[in-house]
N, C-alpha and C. Protein backbone atom coordinates (compact mmCIF):
# COMPACT_ATOMS: atom_id res chain seq x y z
N MET A 1 0.84 -1.19 0.00
CA MET A 1 0.00 0.00 0.00
C MET A 1 0.87 1.24 0.00
N ARG A 2 0.54 2.19 -0.87
CA ARG A 2 1.23 3.46 -0.88
C ARG A 2 0.29 4.48 -0.28
N LYS A 3 0.80 5.32 0.62
CA LYS A 3 -0.11 6.26 1.21
C LYS A 3 0.61 7.51 1.66
N LYS A 4 -0.11 8.61 1.66
CA LYS A 4 0.29 9.83 2.30
C LYS A 4 -0.78 10.14 3.32
N THR A 5 -0.50 11.06 4.19
CA THR A 5 -1.48 11.35 5.22
C THR A 5 -2.61 12.19 4.66
N VAL A 6 -3.74 12.21 5.37
CA VAL A 6 -4.93 12.91 4.91
C VAL A 6 -5.59 13.63 6.06
N ARG A 7 -6.09 14.82 5.79
CA ARG A 7 -6.84 15.53 6.80
C ARG A 7 -8.27 15.07 6.73
N SER A 8 -8.72 14.36 7.72
CA SER A 8 -10.06 13.81 7.74
C SER A 8 -10.32 13.23 9.11
N HIS A 9 -11.60 12.99 9.41
CA HIS A 9 -11.88 12.32 10.66
C HIS A 9 -11.70 10.82 10.48
N PRO A 10 -11.64 10.04 11.55
CA PRO A 10 -11.38 8.60 11.42
C PRO A 10 -12.41 7.91 10.54
N TRP A 11 -11.95 6.85 9.86
CA TRP A 11 -12.78 5.94 9.08
C TRP A 11 -13.27 6.55 7.76
N PHE A 12 -12.76 7.72 7.37
CA PHE A 12 -13.27 8.37 6.15
C PHE A 12 -13.21 7.44 4.94
N LEU A 13 -12.01 6.98 4.61
CA LEU A 13 -11.87 6.13 3.43
C LEU A 13 -12.65 4.84 3.59
N LEU A 14 -12.56 4.24 4.75
CA LEU A 14 -13.21 2.95 4.95
C LEU A 14 -14.72 3.07 4.85
N LYS A 15 -15.27 4.20 5.34
CA LYS A 15 -16.70 4.42 5.17
C LYS A 15 -17.06 4.53 3.70
N CYS A 16 -16.25 5.26 2.95
CA CYS A 16 -16.52 5.42 1.52
C CYS A 16 -16.47 4.07 0.80
N LEU A 17 -15.43 3.30 1.09
CA LEU A 17 -15.31 1.99 0.46
C LEU A 17 -16.46 1.09 0.87
N ALA A 18 -16.77 1.09 2.16
CA ALA A 18 -17.84 0.23 2.65
C ALA A 18 -19.19 0.62 2.05
N LEU A 19 -19.45 1.93 1.96
CA LEU A 19 -20.70 2.37 1.35
C LEU A 19 -20.79 1.95 -0.11
N SER A 20 -19.66 2.05 -0.82
CA SER A 20 -19.67 1.62 -2.22
C SER A 20 -19.97 0.13 -2.34
N ILE A 21 -19.35 -0.67 -1.47
CA ILE A 21 -19.56 -2.11 -1.53
C ILE A 21 -20.99 -2.46 -1.13
N LEU A 22 -21.52 -1.79 -0.10
CA LEU A 22 -22.89 -2.06 0.31
C LEU A 22 -23.86 -1.67 -0.79
N LEU A 23 -23.57 -0.60 -1.51
CA LEU A 23 -24.42 -0.22 -2.63
C LEU A 23 -24.30 -1.22 -3.77
N LEU A 24 -23.12 -1.82 -3.92
CA LEU A 24 -22.95 -2.90 -4.88
C LEU A 24 -23.91 -4.04 -4.55
N ILE A 25 -23.97 -4.38 -3.26
CA ILE A 25 -24.90 -5.43 -2.82
C ILE A 25 -26.33 -5.00 -3.12
N LEU A 26 -26.63 -3.72 -2.90
CA LEU A 26 -27.98 -3.22 -3.16
C LEU A 26 -28.37 -3.41 -4.62
N LEU A 27 -27.43 -3.15 -5.54
CA LEU A 27 -27.73 -3.34 -6.95
C LEU A 27 -28.13 -4.78 -7.24
N VAL A 28 -27.37 -5.71 -6.69
CA VAL A 28 -27.68 -7.11 -6.93
C VAL A 28 -29.00 -7.49 -6.26
N PHE A 29 -29.23 -6.95 -5.05
CA PHE A 29 -30.48 -7.22 -4.34
C PHE A 29 -31.67 -6.70 -5.15
N LEU A 30 -31.54 -5.51 -5.70
CA LEU A 30 -32.61 -4.96 -6.53
C LEU A 30 -32.91 -5.86 -7.72
N SER A 31 -31.83 -6.38 -8.32
CA SER A 31 -32.04 -7.27 -9.46
C SER A 31 -32.81 -8.51 -9.04
N ALA A 32 -32.49 -9.03 -7.86
CA ALA A 32 -33.18 -10.22 -7.36
C ALA A 32 -34.66 -9.91 -7.12
N TRP A 33 -34.92 -8.78 -6.48
CA TRP A 33 -36.30 -8.43 -6.10
C TRP A 33 -37.16 -8.12 -7.32
N ILE A 34 -36.60 -7.35 -8.25
CA ILE A 34 -37.39 -6.88 -9.37
C ILE A 34 -37.56 -7.94 -10.46
N PHE A 35 -36.48 -8.66 -10.75
CA PHE A 35 -36.50 -9.51 -11.92
C PHE A 35 -36.59 -11.01 -11.63
N PHE A 36 -36.09 -11.44 -10.46
CA PHE A 36 -35.97 -12.88 -10.24
C PHE A 36 -37.08 -13.45 -9.36
N ARG A 37 -37.95 -12.59 -8.83
CA ARG A 37 -38.95 -13.06 -7.87
C ARG A 37 -39.85 -14.14 -8.47
N VAL A 38 -40.22 -13.97 -9.74
CA VAL A 38 -41.13 -14.93 -10.38
C VAL A 38 -40.37 -16.03 -11.11
N GLN A 39 -39.04 -16.02 -11.03
CA GLN A 39 -38.24 -17.05 -11.69
C GLN A 39 -37.25 -17.65 -10.70
N ARG A 40 -37.75 -17.98 -9.52
CA ARG A 40 -36.86 -18.38 -8.42
C ARG A 40 -36.06 -19.63 -8.76
N GLN A 41 -36.65 -20.59 -9.46
CA GLN A 41 -35.92 -21.80 -9.79
C GLN A 41 -34.83 -21.53 -10.82
N ARG A 42 -35.10 -20.60 -11.73
CA ARG A 42 -34.16 -20.34 -12.81
C ARG A 42 -32.95 -19.55 -12.33
N TRP A 43 -33.16 -18.60 -11.37
CA TRP A 43 -32.11 -17.67 -11.03
C TRP A 43 -31.53 -17.84 -9.63
N THR A 44 -32.16 -18.64 -8.78
CA THR A 44 -31.67 -18.73 -7.41
C THR A 44 -31.41 -20.18 -7.03
N ASP A 45 -30.66 -20.35 -5.91
CA ASP A 45 -30.30 -21.67 -5.41
C ASP A 45 -30.76 -21.83 -3.97
N THR A 46 -30.81 -23.06 -3.53
CA THR A 46 -31.19 -23.34 -2.14
C THR A 46 -29.99 -23.33 -1.21
N GLN A 47 -28.78 -23.24 -1.75
CA GLN A 47 -27.57 -23.21 -0.93
C GLN A 47 -26.62 -22.12 -1.43
N ALA A 48 -25.84 -21.59 -0.49
CA ALA A 48 -24.82 -20.62 -0.85
C ALA A 48 -23.68 -21.33 -1.60
N LEU A 49 -22.89 -20.56 -2.30
CA LEU A 49 -21.73 -21.13 -2.97
C LEU A 49 -20.78 -21.74 -1.96
N ALA A 50 -20.25 -22.90 -2.28
CA ALA A 50 -19.33 -23.56 -1.35
C ALA A 50 -18.02 -22.80 -1.23
N GLU A 51 -17.56 -22.21 -2.34
CA GLU A 51 -16.31 -21.47 -2.35
C GLU A 51 -16.54 -20.12 -3.02
N ILE A 52 -16.19 -19.07 -2.29
CA ILE A 52 -16.32 -17.72 -2.82
C ILE A 52 -14.97 -17.22 -3.33
N ALA A 53 -13.97 -17.32 -2.48
CA ALA A 53 -12.64 -16.79 -2.81
C ALA A 53 -11.78 -17.88 -3.43
N PRO A 54 -10.89 -17.52 -4.36
CA PRO A 54 -9.94 -18.49 -4.89
C PRO A 54 -8.93 -18.87 -3.83
N ALA A 55 -8.12 -19.86 -4.14
CA ALA A 55 -7.09 -20.27 -3.19
C ALA A 55 -6.18 -19.10 -2.84
N GLU A 56 -5.82 -19.01 -1.55
CA GLU A 56 -4.99 -17.90 -1.10
C GLU A 56 -3.62 -17.95 -1.77
N PRO A 57 -3.14 -16.82 -2.29
CA PRO A 57 -1.81 -16.79 -2.89
C PRO A 57 -0.75 -16.89 -1.81
N SER A 58 0.50 -17.05 -2.25
CA SER A 58 1.59 -17.18 -1.29
C SER A 58 1.76 -15.90 -0.48
N ARG A 59 1.41 -14.76 -1.05
CA ARG A 59 1.50 -13.49 -0.34
C ARG A 59 0.46 -13.44 0.77
N THR A 60 0.87 -13.05 1.94
CA THR A 60 -0.06 -12.92 3.06
C THR A 60 -0.05 -11.48 3.55
N LEU A 61 -1.17 -11.06 4.12
CA LEU A 61 -1.32 -9.71 4.63
C LEU A 61 -1.78 -9.75 6.07
N ASN A 62 -1.27 -8.84 6.86
CA ASN A 62 -1.78 -8.64 8.21
C ASN A 62 -2.90 -7.62 8.10
N ALA A 63 -4.16 -8.13 8.04
CA ALA A 63 -5.30 -7.26 7.78
C ALA A 63 -5.49 -6.22 8.88
N LYS A 64 -5.29 -6.63 10.10
CA LYS A 64 -5.48 -5.69 11.23
C LYS A 64 -4.45 -4.56 11.16
N ARG A 65 -3.22 -4.90 10.81
CA ARG A 65 -2.19 -3.86 10.71
C ARG A 65 -2.48 -2.93 9.54
N LEU A 66 -2.89 -3.49 8.40
CA LEU A 66 -3.23 -2.68 7.24
C LEU A 66 -4.36 -1.72 7.58
N TYR A 67 -5.36 -2.22 8.27
CA TYR A 67 -6.50 -1.39 8.67
C TYR A 67 -6.05 -0.28 9.62
N ALA A 68 -5.20 -0.63 10.57
CA ALA A 68 -4.71 0.36 11.54
C ALA A 68 -3.86 1.43 10.84
N GLU A 69 -3.01 1.02 9.90
CA GLU A 69 -2.18 1.98 9.18
C GLU A 69 -3.04 2.93 8.35
N THR A 70 -4.08 2.39 7.72
CA THR A 70 -4.98 3.24 6.94
C THR A 70 -5.71 4.23 7.83
N ARG A 71 -6.14 3.76 8.99
CA ARG A 71 -6.82 4.65 9.93
C ARG A 71 -5.88 5.78 10.37
N ARG A 72 -4.64 5.44 10.67
CA ARG A 72 -3.70 6.48 11.10
C ARG A 72 -3.50 7.53 10.01
N ALA A 73 -3.42 7.07 8.76
CA ALA A 73 -3.28 8.00 7.65
C ALA A 73 -4.47 8.94 7.57
N LEU A 74 -5.65 8.40 7.79
CA LEU A 74 -6.87 9.19 7.68
C LEU A 74 -7.03 10.19 8.82
N GLU A 75 -6.36 9.95 9.94
CA GLU A 75 -6.50 10.83 11.09
C GLU A 75 -5.50 11.98 11.08
N SER A 76 -4.57 11.97 10.13
CA SER A 76 -3.57 13.02 10.09
C SER A 76 -4.13 14.24 9.36
N SER A 77 -3.29 15.23 9.12
CA SER A 77 -3.81 16.56 8.74
C SER A 77 -3.47 17.00 7.32
N ARG A 78 -3.06 16.08 6.45
CA ARG A 78 -2.66 16.48 5.11
C ARG A 78 -3.54 15.83 4.05
N ALA A 79 -3.44 16.35 2.82
CA ALA A 79 -4.14 15.73 1.71
C ALA A 79 -3.58 14.34 1.47
N SER A 80 -4.30 13.51 0.72
CA SER A 80 -3.92 12.11 0.63
C SER A 80 -4.04 11.56 -0.78
N GLN A 81 -3.16 10.63 -1.09
CA GLN A 81 -3.32 9.74 -2.23
C GLN A 81 -3.15 8.33 -1.69
N LEU A 82 -4.15 7.50 -1.87
CA LEU A 82 -4.14 6.14 -1.34
C LEU A 82 -4.32 5.15 -2.48
N SER A 83 -3.68 4.01 -2.37
CA SER A 83 -3.73 3.03 -3.43
C SER A 83 -3.74 1.62 -2.83
N PHE A 84 -4.64 0.78 -3.33
CA PHE A 84 -4.78 -0.58 -2.82
C PHE A 84 -4.88 -1.56 -3.98
N ASP A 85 -4.23 -2.71 -3.84
CA ASP A 85 -4.44 -3.77 -4.81
C ASP A 85 -5.58 -4.67 -4.33
N SER A 86 -5.86 -5.73 -5.06
CA SER A 86 -7.00 -6.58 -4.74
C SER A 86 -6.91 -7.18 -3.34
N ALA A 87 -5.74 -7.71 -2.99
CA ALA A 87 -5.57 -8.35 -1.70
C ALA A 87 -5.74 -7.35 -0.56
N GLU A 88 -5.21 -6.15 -0.74
CA GLU A 88 -5.33 -5.12 0.29
C GLU A 88 -6.77 -4.65 0.44
N LEU A 89 -7.48 -4.49 -0.68
CA LEU A 89 -8.88 -4.09 -0.62
C LEU A 89 -9.72 -5.15 0.09
N GLN A 90 -9.49 -6.41 -0.26
CA GLN A 90 -10.24 -7.49 0.38
C GLN A 90 -9.95 -7.54 1.87
N ALA A 91 -8.70 -7.34 2.25
CA ALA A 91 -8.34 -7.34 3.66
C ALA A 91 -9.03 -6.19 4.41
N LEU A 92 -9.07 -5.01 3.81
CA LEU A 92 -9.74 -3.87 4.43
C LEU A 92 -11.23 -4.13 4.59
N MET A 93 -11.84 -4.75 3.58
CA MET A 93 -13.27 -5.06 3.67
C MET A 93 -13.57 -6.03 4.80
N ARG A 94 -12.66 -6.97 5.02
CA ARG A 94 -12.88 -7.93 6.12
C ARG A 94 -12.82 -7.24 7.47
N GLU A 95 -12.00 -6.19 7.58
CA GLU A 95 -11.81 -5.54 8.85
C GLU A 95 -12.76 -4.36 9.09
N ALA A 96 -13.37 -3.82 8.04
CA ALA A 96 -14.19 -2.62 8.18
C ALA A 96 -15.42 -2.90 9.05
N PRO A 97 -15.63 -2.12 10.12
CA PRO A 97 -16.80 -2.33 10.98
C PRO A 97 -18.11 -2.21 10.22
N GLU A 98 -18.15 -1.35 9.18
CA GLU A 98 -19.38 -1.15 8.43
C GLU A 98 -19.85 -2.41 7.70
N LEU A 99 -18.94 -3.37 7.50
CA LEU A 99 -19.31 -4.59 6.79
C LEU A 99 -19.37 -5.82 7.69
N GLN A 100 -19.14 -5.63 8.99
CA GLN A 100 -19.14 -6.76 9.90
C GLN A 100 -20.49 -7.46 9.93
N HIS A 101 -21.57 -6.69 9.71
CA HIS A 101 -22.92 -7.26 9.80
C HIS A 101 -23.42 -7.79 8.46
N ALA A 102 -22.66 -7.60 7.39
CA ALA A 102 -23.13 -8.00 6.07
C ALA A 102 -23.30 -9.52 6.01
N GLU A 103 -24.48 -9.95 5.55
CA GLU A 103 -24.77 -11.37 5.49
C GLU A 103 -24.20 -12.03 4.24
N ALA A 104 -23.99 -11.24 3.20
CA ALA A 104 -23.52 -11.81 1.95
C ALA A 104 -22.06 -12.26 2.06
N GLN A 105 -21.75 -13.36 1.39
CA GLN A 105 -20.37 -13.77 1.23
C GLN A 105 -19.86 -13.15 -0.07
N MET A 106 -18.71 -12.47 0.01
CA MET A 106 -18.24 -11.73 -1.15
C MET A 106 -16.73 -11.88 -1.31
N HIS A 107 -16.32 -11.88 -2.57
CA HIS A 107 -14.89 -11.77 -2.87
C HIS A 107 -14.73 -10.77 -3.99
N PHE A 108 -13.77 -9.84 -3.83
CA PHE A 108 -13.56 -8.78 -4.79
C PHE A 108 -12.19 -8.91 -5.44
N GLU A 109 -12.15 -8.54 -6.72
CA GLU A 109 -10.88 -8.54 -7.45
C GLU A 109 -10.85 -7.32 -8.36
N LEU A 110 -9.75 -6.59 -8.31
CA LEU A 110 -9.52 -5.48 -9.23
C LEU A 110 -8.83 -6.02 -10.47
N ASP A 111 -9.44 -5.81 -11.62
CA ASP A 111 -8.92 -6.37 -12.87
C ASP A 111 -8.87 -5.26 -13.90
N GLY A 112 -7.67 -4.74 -14.14
CA GLY A 112 -7.55 -3.62 -15.08
C GLY A 112 -8.27 -2.40 -14.54
N GLU A 113 -9.36 -1.99 -15.19
CA GLU A 113 -10.16 -0.86 -14.75
C GLU A 113 -11.50 -1.29 -14.16
N LEU A 114 -11.63 -2.58 -13.86
CA LEU A 114 -12.92 -3.12 -13.43
C LEU A 114 -12.85 -3.69 -12.02
N LEU A 115 -14.02 -3.72 -11.37
CA LEU A 115 -14.19 -4.38 -10.08
C LEU A 115 -15.02 -5.63 -10.31
N LYS A 116 -14.43 -6.79 -10.06
CA LYS A 116 -15.12 -8.05 -10.23
C LYS A 116 -15.49 -8.61 -8.86
N SER A 117 -16.67 -9.19 -8.78
CA SER A 117 -17.14 -9.72 -7.50
C SER A 117 -17.82 -11.06 -7.70
N ARG A 118 -17.48 -12.00 -6.84
CA ARG A 118 -18.25 -13.24 -6.71
C ARG A 118 -18.96 -13.16 -5.37
N MET A 119 -20.26 -13.39 -5.38
CA MET A 119 -20.99 -13.26 -4.12
C MET A 119 -22.11 -14.29 -4.02
N SER A 120 -22.46 -14.54 -2.79
CA SER A 120 -23.58 -15.42 -2.47
C SER A 120 -24.49 -14.63 -1.53
N LEU A 121 -25.61 -14.14 -2.07
CA LEU A 121 -26.48 -13.21 -1.38
C LEU A 121 -27.73 -13.91 -0.87
N PRO A 122 -27.93 -14.00 0.44
CA PRO A 122 -29.16 -14.60 0.96
C PRO A 122 -30.36 -13.72 0.67
N LEU A 123 -31.48 -14.33 0.26
CA LEU A 123 -32.66 -13.57 -0.16
C LEU A 123 -33.83 -13.76 0.81
N GLY A 124 -33.50 -14.03 2.07
CA GLY A 124 -34.56 -14.31 3.04
C GLY A 124 -35.54 -13.18 3.23
N ASN A 125 -35.13 -11.93 2.97
CA ASN A 125 -36.02 -10.79 3.13
C ASN A 125 -36.87 -10.49 1.91
N VAL A 126 -36.66 -11.24 0.83
CA VAL A 126 -37.45 -11.05 -0.39
C VAL A 126 -38.67 -11.96 -0.33
N PRO A 127 -39.88 -11.43 -0.46
CA PRO A 127 -41.09 -12.28 -0.42
C PRO A 127 -41.01 -13.42 -1.41
N GLY A 128 -41.25 -14.62 -0.93
CA GLY A 128 -41.21 -15.79 -1.79
C GLY A 128 -39.84 -16.37 -2.01
N MET A 129 -38.80 -15.77 -1.40
CA MET A 129 -37.43 -16.22 -1.61
C MET A 129 -36.79 -16.77 -0.34
N GLN A 130 -37.56 -17.05 0.67
CA GLN A 130 -36.98 -17.56 1.92
C GLN A 130 -36.21 -18.86 1.64
N GLY A 131 -35.00 -18.93 2.18
CA GLY A 131 -34.17 -20.11 1.99
C GLY A 131 -33.47 -20.18 0.65
N ARG A 132 -33.53 -19.08 -0.14
CA ARG A 132 -32.89 -19.07 -1.45
C ARG A 132 -31.69 -18.13 -1.43
N TYR A 133 -30.77 -18.35 -2.39
CA TYR A 133 -29.56 -17.53 -2.51
C TYR A 133 -29.40 -17.08 -3.96
N LEU A 134 -28.92 -15.87 -4.11
CA LEU A 134 -28.50 -15.39 -5.42
C LEU A 134 -27.00 -15.56 -5.50
N ASN A 135 -26.55 -16.52 -6.27
CA ASN A 135 -25.13 -16.82 -6.41
C ASN A 135 -24.67 -16.39 -7.80
N GLY A 136 -23.61 -15.63 -7.86
CA GLY A 136 -23.18 -15.21 -9.18
C GLY A 136 -21.88 -14.45 -9.20
N ASP A 137 -21.47 -14.13 -10.42
CA ASP A 137 -20.26 -13.34 -10.69
C ASP A 137 -20.70 -12.06 -11.39
N PHE A 138 -20.18 -10.93 -10.90
CA PHE A 138 -20.62 -9.63 -11.40
C PHE A 138 -19.41 -8.75 -11.68
N VAL A 139 -19.55 -7.91 -12.70
CA VAL A 139 -18.47 -7.01 -13.10
C VAL A 139 -19.01 -5.58 -13.05
N PHE A 140 -18.28 -4.70 -12.34
CA PHE A 140 -18.69 -3.33 -12.14
C PHE A 140 -17.60 -2.36 -12.60
N SER A 141 -18.03 -1.17 -12.96
CA SER A 141 -17.12 -0.02 -13.04
C SER A 141 -17.46 0.89 -11.86
N LEU A 142 -16.44 1.48 -11.28
CA LEU A 142 -16.61 2.34 -10.11
C LEU A 142 -15.68 3.53 -10.25
N ARG A 143 -16.25 4.74 -10.09
CA ARG A 143 -15.43 5.94 -10.16
C ARG A 143 -16.11 7.07 -9.39
N ILE A 144 -15.32 8.02 -8.96
CA ILE A 144 -15.83 9.24 -8.35
C ILE A 144 -15.04 10.40 -8.97
N ASP A 145 -15.75 11.40 -9.44
CA ASP A 145 -15.14 12.61 -9.98
C ASP A 145 -15.70 13.82 -9.25
N GLU A 146 -14.80 14.55 -8.56
CA GLU A 146 -15.20 15.76 -7.85
C GLU A 146 -16.44 15.52 -7.00
N GLY A 147 -16.42 14.41 -6.27
CA GLY A 147 -17.50 14.11 -5.34
C GLY A 147 -18.74 13.46 -5.95
N LYS A 148 -18.74 13.20 -7.25
CA LYS A 148 -19.89 12.56 -7.89
C LYS A 148 -19.60 11.08 -8.13
N PRO A 149 -20.30 10.19 -7.41
CA PRO A 149 -20.02 8.75 -7.55
C PRO A 149 -20.78 8.13 -8.71
N GLU A 150 -20.17 7.12 -9.31
CA GLU A 150 -20.83 6.35 -10.36
C GLU A 150 -20.44 4.89 -10.23
N LEU A 151 -21.42 4.06 -9.99
CA LEU A 151 -21.22 2.61 -9.88
C LEU A 151 -22.13 1.95 -10.89
N LYS A 152 -21.56 1.19 -11.82
CA LYS A 152 -22.34 0.61 -12.92
C LYS A 152 -22.09 -0.89 -13.02
N LEU A 153 -23.18 -1.64 -13.09
CA LEU A 153 -23.09 -3.09 -13.31
C LEU A 153 -22.95 -3.33 -14.80
N LEU A 154 -21.79 -3.86 -15.21
CA LEU A 154 -21.51 -4.07 -16.63
C LEU A 154 -21.98 -5.43 -17.13
N SER A 155 -21.85 -6.44 -16.28
CA SER A 155 -22.28 -7.78 -16.67
C SER A 155 -22.45 -8.63 -15.42
N GLY A 156 -23.19 -9.69 -15.58
CA GLY A 156 -23.38 -10.61 -14.46
C GLY A 156 -23.73 -11.99 -14.97
N THR A 157 -23.31 -12.99 -14.23
CA THR A 157 -23.63 -14.38 -14.56
C THR A 157 -24.20 -15.04 -13.33
N VAL A 158 -25.41 -15.58 -13.46
CA VAL A 158 -26.11 -16.24 -12.35
C VAL A 158 -26.48 -17.65 -12.79
N LYS A 159 -26.03 -18.65 -12.02
CA LYS A 159 -26.29 -20.05 -12.36
C LYS A 159 -25.85 -20.36 -13.80
N GLY A 160 -24.73 -19.78 -14.20
CA GLY A 160 -24.19 -20.03 -15.52
C GLY A 160 -24.87 -19.27 -16.64
N ARG A 161 -25.84 -18.41 -16.30
CA ARG A 161 -26.58 -17.67 -17.32
C ARG A 161 -26.23 -16.18 -17.24
N PRO A 162 -25.91 -15.54 -18.36
CA PRO A 162 -25.64 -14.10 -18.32
C PRO A 162 -26.92 -13.32 -18.11
N LEU A 163 -26.82 -12.23 -17.37
CA LEU A 163 -27.97 -11.35 -17.20
C LEU A 163 -28.29 -10.68 -18.53
N PRO A 164 -29.54 -10.69 -18.95
CA PRO A 164 -29.91 -10.02 -20.20
C PRO A 164 -29.63 -8.53 -20.13
N GLU A 165 -29.38 -7.94 -21.29
CA GLU A 165 -29.06 -6.51 -21.37
C GLU A 165 -30.18 -5.65 -20.80
N LYS A 166 -31.42 -6.05 -21.02
CA LYS A 166 -32.53 -5.23 -20.51
C LYS A 166 -32.53 -5.22 -18.98
N TYR A 167 -32.09 -6.31 -18.35
CA TYR A 167 -31.98 -6.34 -16.90
C TYR A 167 -30.88 -5.38 -16.44
N LEU A 168 -29.74 -5.43 -17.14
CA LEU A 168 -28.63 -4.56 -16.76
C LEU A 168 -29.03 -3.09 -16.82
N ARG A 169 -29.75 -2.71 -17.87
CA ARG A 169 -30.17 -1.32 -18.01
C ARG A 169 -31.08 -0.89 -16.85
N ARG A 170 -32.02 -1.72 -16.51
CA ARG A 170 -32.97 -1.36 -15.45
C ARG A 170 -32.29 -1.37 -14.08
N ILE A 171 -31.42 -2.34 -13.86
CA ILE A 171 -30.69 -2.38 -12.59
C ILE A 171 -29.87 -1.11 -12.42
N ASN A 172 -29.19 -0.69 -13.48
CA ASN A 172 -28.35 0.50 -13.38
C ASN A 172 -29.17 1.78 -13.22
N GLN A 173 -30.34 1.82 -13.81
CA GLN A 173 -31.21 2.98 -13.60
C GLN A 173 -31.61 3.10 -12.13
N PHE A 174 -32.05 2.00 -11.55
CA PHE A 174 -32.39 2.00 -10.13
C PHE A 174 -31.15 2.26 -9.28
N GLY A 175 -30.07 1.57 -9.61
CA GLY A 175 -28.87 1.63 -8.78
C GLY A 175 -28.25 3.01 -8.73
N GLN A 176 -28.13 3.68 -9.89
CA GLN A 176 -27.51 5.01 -9.89
C GLN A 176 -28.38 6.01 -9.14
N ALA A 177 -29.69 5.88 -9.25
CA ALA A 177 -30.58 6.77 -8.50
C ALA A 177 -30.40 6.58 -7.01
N ARG A 178 -30.31 5.32 -6.57
CA ARG A 178 -30.09 5.04 -5.15
C ARG A 178 -28.72 5.51 -4.69
N LEU A 179 -27.73 5.35 -5.57
CA LEU A 179 -26.37 5.76 -5.23
C LEU A 179 -26.31 7.26 -4.97
N MET A 180 -26.92 8.05 -5.86
CA MET A 180 -26.91 9.49 -5.69
C MET A 180 -27.72 9.90 -4.47
N GLN A 181 -28.80 9.19 -4.22
CA GLN A 181 -29.61 9.49 -3.05
C GLN A 181 -28.83 9.24 -1.77
N ALA A 182 -28.05 8.17 -1.75
CA ALA A 182 -27.32 7.80 -0.54
C ALA A 182 -26.04 8.61 -0.36
N LEU A 183 -25.34 8.90 -1.46
CA LEU A 183 -24.00 9.49 -1.35
C LEU A 183 -23.84 10.85 -1.99
N GLY A 184 -24.76 11.23 -2.88
CA GLY A 184 -24.57 12.43 -3.67
C GLY A 184 -24.39 13.70 -2.85
N GLY A 185 -25.05 13.81 -1.72
CA GLY A 185 -24.95 15.01 -0.91
C GLY A 185 -23.98 14.90 0.24
N SER A 186 -23.25 13.83 0.31
CA SER A 186 -22.36 13.60 1.44
C SER A 186 -21.14 14.52 1.39
N ALA A 187 -20.88 15.20 2.50
CA ALA A 187 -19.70 16.06 2.57
C ALA A 187 -18.43 15.23 2.45
N GLU A 188 -18.44 14.01 2.95
CA GLU A 188 -17.27 13.14 2.85
C GLU A 188 -16.97 12.79 1.41
N ILE A 189 -18.01 12.41 0.65
CA ILE A 189 -17.80 12.05 -0.74
C ILE A 189 -17.30 13.26 -1.53
N LYS A 190 -17.80 14.45 -1.20
CA LYS A 190 -17.36 15.65 -1.91
C LYS A 190 -15.88 15.95 -1.67
N ARG A 191 -15.31 15.40 -0.61
CA ARG A 191 -13.88 15.57 -0.37
C ARG A 191 -13.03 14.76 -1.35
N ILE A 192 -13.64 13.79 -2.01
CA ILE A 192 -12.87 12.94 -2.92
C ILE A 192 -12.72 13.63 -4.27
N GLU A 193 -11.52 13.97 -4.61
CA GLU A 193 -11.24 14.58 -5.91
C GLU A 193 -11.42 13.57 -7.02
N SER A 194 -10.90 12.37 -6.82
CA SER A 194 -11.08 11.32 -7.82
C SER A 194 -10.89 9.95 -7.18
N LEU A 195 -11.60 8.99 -7.72
CA LEU A 195 -11.41 7.58 -7.37
C LEU A 195 -11.45 6.81 -8.67
N ARG A 196 -10.42 6.02 -8.90
CA ARG A 196 -10.30 5.26 -10.14
C ARG A 196 -9.79 3.85 -9.84
N ILE A 197 -10.19 2.91 -10.68
CA ILE A 197 -9.56 1.60 -10.71
C ILE A 197 -8.67 1.60 -11.94
N GLU A 198 -7.37 1.54 -11.72
CA GLU A 198 -6.40 1.64 -12.80
C GLU A 198 -5.31 0.60 -12.60
N GLU A 199 -5.02 -0.13 -13.65
CA GLU A 199 -3.97 -1.15 -13.61
C GLU A 199 -4.14 -2.06 -12.40
N SER A 200 -5.38 -2.46 -12.16
CA SER A 200 -5.74 -3.41 -11.09
C SER A 200 -5.44 -2.87 -9.69
N ARG A 201 -5.54 -1.55 -9.53
CA ARG A 201 -5.41 -0.91 -8.22
C ARG A 201 -6.53 0.09 -8.05
N LEU A 202 -6.99 0.24 -6.81
CA LEU A 202 -7.94 1.27 -6.48
C LEU A 202 -7.17 2.49 -6.00
N ASN A 203 -7.26 3.59 -6.75
CA ASN A 203 -6.52 4.81 -6.45
C ASN A 203 -7.48 5.92 -6.08
N MET A 204 -7.20 6.60 -4.97
CA MET A 204 -8.06 7.66 -4.50
C MET A 204 -7.25 8.90 -4.17
N LYS A 205 -7.75 10.06 -4.60
CA LYS A 205 -7.18 11.34 -4.24
C LYS A 205 -8.19 12.10 -3.40
N ILE A 206 -7.75 12.59 -2.25
CA ILE A 206 -8.62 13.30 -1.33
C ILE A 206 -8.13 14.73 -1.17
N LYS A 207 -9.05 15.68 -1.29
CA LYS A 207 -8.69 17.10 -1.19
C LYS A 207 -8.34 17.47 0.23
N ARG A 208 -7.49 18.49 0.35
CA ARG A 208 -7.25 19.10 1.66
C ARG A 208 -8.53 19.84 2.07
N LYS A 209 -8.86 19.72 3.33
CA LYS A 209 -10.10 20.32 3.81
C LYS A 209 -9.97 21.83 3.86
């Protein structure tokens, strides 16, 4: 991880990352509720995926230390540039308090300019979906420009079937509206000059307050 210090209150970056990931889950949940409710056998399973994450690479990370170092950077008084690779992002997500309660099993990978996710989402709160899971692989683009967030579902595969284009369009219409509603007016998000996924790294620039 490369980092400089940032003037911000504690948990700033982690809240932003956690909110983005939770909104990612929301997009998939919306797709389940709107499109899959009447096709439960076709799109959902009775069990979660047995394996979410690939085999651990030889590289290991001390997630608690990474989280603590990031927090210290966020508590200092200067502008910041922060950068995380896939393993570091996944480690931060495991440690973030905002995601401790998340029921979904998720694995994230930064691939070029894309965010790829494999997840197993329980649908117990969806009418008619008790005991069912939405298991799939999803590809997103994620960026923030001058405090304006944009999260877009580019493709998805559920039970070996690609999501139809008409589903993707409607999911993104709902999702972007919810994203702006949740984050568009946030003073914290407005502090972000830019957030990009580039060369399989998540790069963020934060303005001086």
